[in-house]
Amino acid sequence: MHIWVDADACRGAIREILFRAAARTRHPLTLVANQILRTPASALVRMIQVAPGFDEADKYIADNVRAADLVITADIPLAADVVAKGAQALSPRGECYGKENIRELLDMRNFKDALRSSGVDTGGPPPFSAADCRRFANRLDHILSTDSRPPHRLQPRLIPPREG
């Protein structure tokens, strides 16, 4: 299982949990963002900087995720793409996205987006809390502990050069 992180809006506390989990379980972890983010010195952790622009990180992840991978994202359309490919998706608040709930979540997201574009204030998510962080860590541990594949063997992987 490869762990992909939609890292543009991923909180530092969540990234730290992911870094520790990757080291502990030997699962490779790739952060994808428009800007360079600090990562620990580890052969298991990579940082991919994508071009600036709307949803560039999402597109990169959607193009590279494989079935049985795990994607950390708060972006519902990306989660829908990931689930359609047979991969798992988990929000930074610990909400699992799957075939059983992604359609409903996507419909609700689109409904709220339509309301906002017509001028209705739909509010936003509640403030991120320590309970959200704990829920994320617990769900991540559960997902990684149920991965039945052998631990990752380090192999070099070429990262295409950034254009521009």
Protein backbone atom coordinates (compact mmCIF):
# COMPACT_ATOMS: atom_id res chain seq x y z
CA MET A 1 0.00 0.00 0.00
CA HIS A 2 1.29 3.40 -0.99
CA ILE A 3 0.06 6.42 0.98
CA TRP A 4 -0.64 9.56 -1.05
CA VAL A 5 -1.27 12.89 0.66
CA ASP A 6 -3.11 15.82 -0.89
CA ALA A 7 -0.74 18.02 1.07
CA ASP A 8 -1.65 21.58 0.02
CA ALA A 9 -4.15 21.91 2.88
CA CYS A 10 -3.00 19.06 5.11
CA ARG A 11 -2.26 20.22 8.65
CA GLY A 12 1.21 19.77 10.12
CA ALA A 13 -0.14 17.57 12.94
CA ILE A 14 -1.63 15.17 10.39
CA ARG A 15 1.60 15.10 8.36
CA GLU A 16 3.55 14.25 11.53
CA ILE A 17 1.20 11.34 12.26
CA LEU A 18 1.70 10.14 8.68
CA PHE A 19 5.51 10.40 8.90
CA ARG A 20 5.54 8.31 12.08
CA ALA A 21 3.12 5.76 10.60
CA ALA A 22 5.21 5.36 7.43
CA ALA A 23 8.35 4.78 9.49
CA ARG A 24 6.62 2.32 11.81
CA THR A 25 4.81 0.28 9.13
CA ARG A 26 7.29 0.71 6.24
CA HIS A 27 4.57 2.01 3.91
CA PRO A 28 5.86 4.49 1.31
CA LEU A 29 4.40 7.99 1.68
CA THR A 30 4.20 10.67 -1.01
CA LEU A 31 3.12 14.24 -0.31
CA VAL A 32 1.85 16.14 -3.36
CA ALA A 33 1.53 19.93 -3.21
CA ASN A 34 2.02 23.17 -5.13
CA GLN A 35 4.82 24.15 -2.75
CA ILE A 36 7.74 22.31 -1.21
CA LEU A 37 6.96 21.02 2.28
CA ARG A 38 9.46 19.89 4.87
CA THR A 39 9.72 16.11 5.14
CA PRO A 40 11.90 13.88 7.30
CA ALA A 41 15.01 12.35 5.80
CA SER A 42 13.63 8.93 4.89
CA ALA A 43 13.75 6.70 1.86
CA LEU A 44 10.05 6.03 2.46
CA VAL A 45 8.92 9.67 2.24
CA ARG A 46 8.82 11.73 -0.97
CA MET A 47 7.65 15.22 -1.77
CA ILE A 48 6.26 15.95 -5.25
CA GLN A 49 5.83 19.60 -6.17
CA VAL A 50 3.27 20.11 -8.92
CA ALA A 51 2.73 23.21 -11.02
CA PRO A 52 0.76 26.03 -9.44
CA GLY A 53 -2.89 25.94 -10.31
CA PHE A 54 -6.28 24.75 -9.26
CA ASP A 55 -6.42 21.01 -8.47
CA GLU A 56 -2.96 20.22 -9.87
CA ALA A 57 -2.10 18.08 -6.83
CA ASP A 58 -5.46 16.32 -7.10
CA LYS A 59 -4.86 15.54 -10.77
CA TYR A 60 -1.39 14.17 -10.04
CA ILE A 61 -2.69 11.89 -7.31
CA ALA A 62 -5.67 10.70 -9.37
CA ASP A 63 -3.35 9.87 -12.28
CA ASN A 64 -0.87 7.93 -10.12
CA VAL A 65 -2.96 6.16 -7.47
CA ARG A 66 -3.43 2.42 -7.80
CA ALA A 67 -5.97 0.02 -6.37
CA ALA A 68 -5.17 -0.79 -2.72
CA ASP A 69 -3.37 2.55 -2.18
CA LEU A 70 -4.51 5.02 0.46
CA VAL A 71 -5.12 8.72 -0.24
CA ILE A 72 -5.38 11.32 2.51
CA THR A 73 -7.56 14.19 1.30
CA ALA A 74 -10.38 16.50 2.33
CA ASP A 75 -11.32 16.94 -1.34
CA ILE A 76 -14.51 14.98 -2.05
CA PRO A 77 -14.13 14.90 -5.89
CA LEU A 78 -10.59 13.52 -5.51
CA ALA A 79 -11.88 10.96 -3.00
CA ALA A 80 -14.54 9.92 -5.52
CA ASP A 81 -11.87 9.41 -8.21
CA VAL A 82 -9.74 7.40 -5.78
CA VAL A 83 -12.62 5.16 -4.69
CA ALA A 84 -13.56 4.57 -8.35
CA LYS A 85 -10.02 3.24 -8.92
CA GLY A 86 -10.36 0.76 -6.06
CA ALA A 87 -8.14 2.69 -3.63
CA GLN A 88 -9.07 3.90 -0.16
CA ALA A 89 -9.50 7.52 0.87
CA LEU A 90 -9.40 9.04 4.35
CA SER A 91 -10.03 12.63 5.37
CA PRO A 92 -7.66 14.44 7.76
CA ARG A 93 -10.56 14.36 10.25
CA GLY A 94 -10.67 10.56 10.11
CA GLU A 95 -13.70 10.12 7.84
CA CYS A 96 -13.40 7.09 5.57
CA TYR A 97 -14.59 7.54 2.01
CA GLY A 98 -15.83 4.39 0.32
CA LYS A 99 -18.25 3.02 -2.24
CA GLU A 100 -21.00 3.03 0.38
CA ASN A 101 -20.83 6.78 1.10
CA ILE A 102 -18.94 8.64 -1.62
CA ARG A 103 -21.96 9.30 -3.87
CA GLU A 104 -23.91 10.87 -0.98
CA LEU A 105 -20.90 12.96 0.10
CA LEU A 106 -20.30 14.16 -3.45
CA ASP A 107 -23.97 15.06 -3.91
CA MET A 108 -23.98 17.03 -0.62
CA ARG A 109 -20.77 18.82 -1.60
CA ASN A 110 -22.24 19.78 -4.99
CA PHE A 111 -25.50 20.91 -3.35
CA LYS A 112 -23.65 23.17 -0.91
CA ASP A 113 -21.49 24.51 -3.73
CA ALA A 114 -24.65 25.43 -5.67
CA LEU A 115 -26.07 27.16 -2.59
CA ARG A 116 -22.86 29.14 -2.07
CA SER A 117 -22.77 30.23 -5.71
CA SER A 118 -26.34 31.58 -5.32
CA GLY A 119 -25.30 33.65 -2.31
CA VAL A 120 -26.35 31.40 0.57
CA ASP A 121 -23.88 31.21 3.45
CA THR A 122 -23.56 27.49 4.19
CA GLY A 123 -20.92 27.98 6.86
CA GLY A 124 -17.83 25.88 6.92
CA PRO A 125 -16.53 22.86 8.69
CA PRO A 126 -16.14 23.04 12.47
CA PRO A 127 -12.70 23.99 13.78
CA PHE A 128 -10.15 21.19 13.63
CA SER A 129 -9.82 19.63 17.08
CA ALA A 130 -7.62 17.26 19.02
CA ALA A 131 -10.46 14.73 18.76
CA ASP A 132 -10.26 14.98 14.94
CA CYS A 133 -6.53 14.31 15.14
CA ARG A 134 -7.05 11.26 17.38
CA ARG A 135 -9.83 9.92 15.14
CA PHE A 136 -7.53 10.28 12.11
CA ALA A 137 -4.65 8.51 13.86
CA ASN A 138 -6.92 5.65 14.99
CA ARG A 139 -8.47 5.15 11.54
CA LEU A 140 -5.05 5.33 9.86
CA ASP A 141 -3.67 2.71 12.26
CA HIS A 142 -6.65 0.46 11.57
CA ILE A 143 -6.24 0.78 7.78
CA LEU A 144 -2.49 0.15 7.90
CA SER A 145 -2.82 -2.78 10.30
CA THR A 146 -5.30 -4.53 8.01
CA ASP A 147 -3.02 -4.22 4.96
CA SER A 148 -2.10 -7.83 4.30
CA ARG A 149 0.75 -7.19 1.87
CA PRO A 150 4.35 -7.64 3.06
CA PRO A 151 6.28 -4.56 4.24
CA HIS A 152 7.65 -2.31 1.53
CA ARG A 153 11.06 -3.11 0.15
CA LEU A 154 12.89 0.04 -0.77
CA GLN A 155 13.36 0.38 -4.49
CA PRO A 156 14.51 3.46 -6.34
CA ARG A 157 11.70 5.27 -8.11
CA LEU A 158 12.40 7.91 -10.68
CA ILE A 159 10.63 11.18 -10.12
CA PRO A 160 10.11 13.15 -13.32
CA PRO A 161 11.80 16.55 -13.30
CA ARG A 162 9.63 19.56 -12.71
CA GLU A 163 9.09 21.60 -15.84
CA GLY A 164 9.37 25.35 -15.88
